[in-house]
Structures are given as structure tokens and as C-alpha cells.
Amino acid sequence: MTEPVDPDWVLAALDDVAGALEQLIAEIDADPEQVAETLREGMPAIFAKLNYAWNTRALGPTALETHDHDALVAWPQDVGI
């Protein structure tokens, strides 16, 4: 059986990811010669936001009350790679 997922929460979290990705794309577009540095600086935040969306999918807004923010932005243990 799968756990319940809060679709409104997930969409809000993914919208945050989309905004960060759009910003990163704009920064690279504005200064393509700095792409390596821009990626190095921007990608960790995007991964953290994606991880947050996944790790909080069942918690919904109660995730905001979680004090272990590091665990919420960490690579999901249940995703595997």
C-alpha cells in the first residue's frame, strides 16, 4: 500500500523548484562563460528543493514544523541510485 501524498503541497514545492531552476537558467543565459561556476553554486539548492518536495510529500504543511531541516533536504533514502 502506498502512503498518502498531499498533491497541493507537492505542487507548491515543485513550483519552488521550477522558480529556482528558471533563475539558474537565466543566470547561465546572462553569463554563459561562467556556466561551470554558476552550476556549482546553483545546483545544490535545486537538488535540495527537489529532495524537500519528495521527502515532505506525505507530511504536507506539517513539514514546516519539522526541526530536522537537513533530513528534509537530504537525498531521499527511498529513491535509490
Protein backbone atom coordinates (compact mmCIF):
# COMPACT_ATOMS: atom_id res chain seq x y z
CA MET A 1 0.00 0.00 0.00
CA THR A 2 1.33 3.45 -0.83
CA GLU A 3 1.40 6.33 1.60
CA PRO A 4 -0.98 9.25 1.11
CA VAL A 5 0.56 12.19 -0.71
CA ASP A 6 -0.57 15.81 -0.42
CA PRO A 7 -0.82 16.92 -4.07
CA ASP A 8 -1.25 20.63 -3.27
CA TRP A 9 1.87 20.54 -1.12
CA VAL A 10 3.88 18.69 -3.75
CA LEU A 11 2.80 21.15 -6.45
CA ALA A 12 3.79 24.10 -4.25
CA ALA A 13 7.17 22.51 -3.53
CA LEU A 14 7.76 21.74 -7.21
CA ASP A 15 6.76 25.29 -8.13
CA ASP A 16 9.57 26.43 -5.81
CA VAL A 17 11.93 24.08 -7.68
CA ALA A 18 10.75 25.47 -11.01
CA GLY A 19 11.42 29.04 -9.86
CA ALA A 20 14.93 28.16 -8.72
CA LEU A 21 15.63 26.36 -11.98
CA GLU A 22 14.33 29.29 -14.02
CA GLN A 23 16.62 31.59 -12.07
CA LEU A 24 19.61 29.32 -12.68
CA ILE A 25 18.81 29.17 -16.39
CA ALA A 26 18.58 32.98 -16.52
CA GLU A 27 21.94 33.33 -14.76
CA ILE A 28 23.60 30.95 -17.21
CA ASP A 29 21.94 32.70 -20.15
CA ALA A 30 23.19 36.06 -18.86
CA ASP A 31 26.78 34.87 -18.44
CA PRO A 32 27.39 31.61 -20.35
CA GLU A 33 31.15 31.82 -19.84
CA GLN A 34 30.60 31.25 -16.12
CA VAL A 35 28.40 28.16 -16.59
CA ALA A 36 30.62 25.83 -14.55
CA GLU A 37 30.72 28.17 -11.56
CA THR A 38 27.03 29.05 -11.86
CA LEU A 39 26.08 25.36 -11.90
CA ARG A 40 28.39 24.61 -8.97
CA GLU A 41 26.70 27.34 -6.95
CA GLY A 42 23.10 26.78 -8.06
CA MET A 43 22.60 23.04 -8.40
CA PRO A 44 22.85 22.17 -4.69
CA ALA A 45 19.86 24.40 -3.96
CA ILE A 46 17.85 22.83 -6.77
CA PHE A 47 18.64 19.31 -5.57
CA ALA A 48 17.75 20.32 -2.01
CA LYS A 49 14.40 21.69 -3.18
CA LEU A 50 13.67 18.53 -5.17
CA ASN A 51 14.63 16.39 -2.19
CA TYR A 52 12.40 18.52 0.03
CA ALA A 53 9.45 18.00 -2.33
CA TRP A 54 9.97 14.23 -2.20
CA ASN A 55 10.77 13.92 1.49
CA THR A 56 7.77 16.00 2.56
CA ARG A 57 5.22 14.63 0.09
CA ALA A 58 3.23 12.87 2.81
CA LEU A 59 3.83 15.44 5.57
CA GLY A 60 2.35 18.35 3.66
CA PRO A 61 2.36 21.66 5.55
CA THR A 62 3.33 19.95 8.80
CA ALA A 63 6.81 19.67 7.27
CA LEU A 64 7.23 23.34 8.19
CA GLU A 65 7.14 22.31 11.85
CA THR A 66 9.92 19.76 11.42
CA HIS A 67 13.11 20.87 13.10
CA ASP A 68 15.40 18.49 11.21
CA HIS A 69 15.60 20.55 8.03
CA ASP A 70 18.79 18.76 6.99
CA ALA A 71 16.91 15.46 6.81
CA LEU A 72 14.18 17.03 4.69
CA VAL A 73 16.62 18.34 2.08
CA ALA A 74 18.89 15.27 2.11
CA TRP A 75 18.95 12.75 -0.72
CA PRO A 76 15.86 10.54 -0.21
CA GLN A 77 16.72 7.16 1.29
CA ASP A 78 13.82 5.51 -0.52
CA VAL A 79 14.79 6.61 -4.04
CA GLY A 80 17.99 4.67 -4.60
CA ILE A 81 20.63 5.27 -7.23
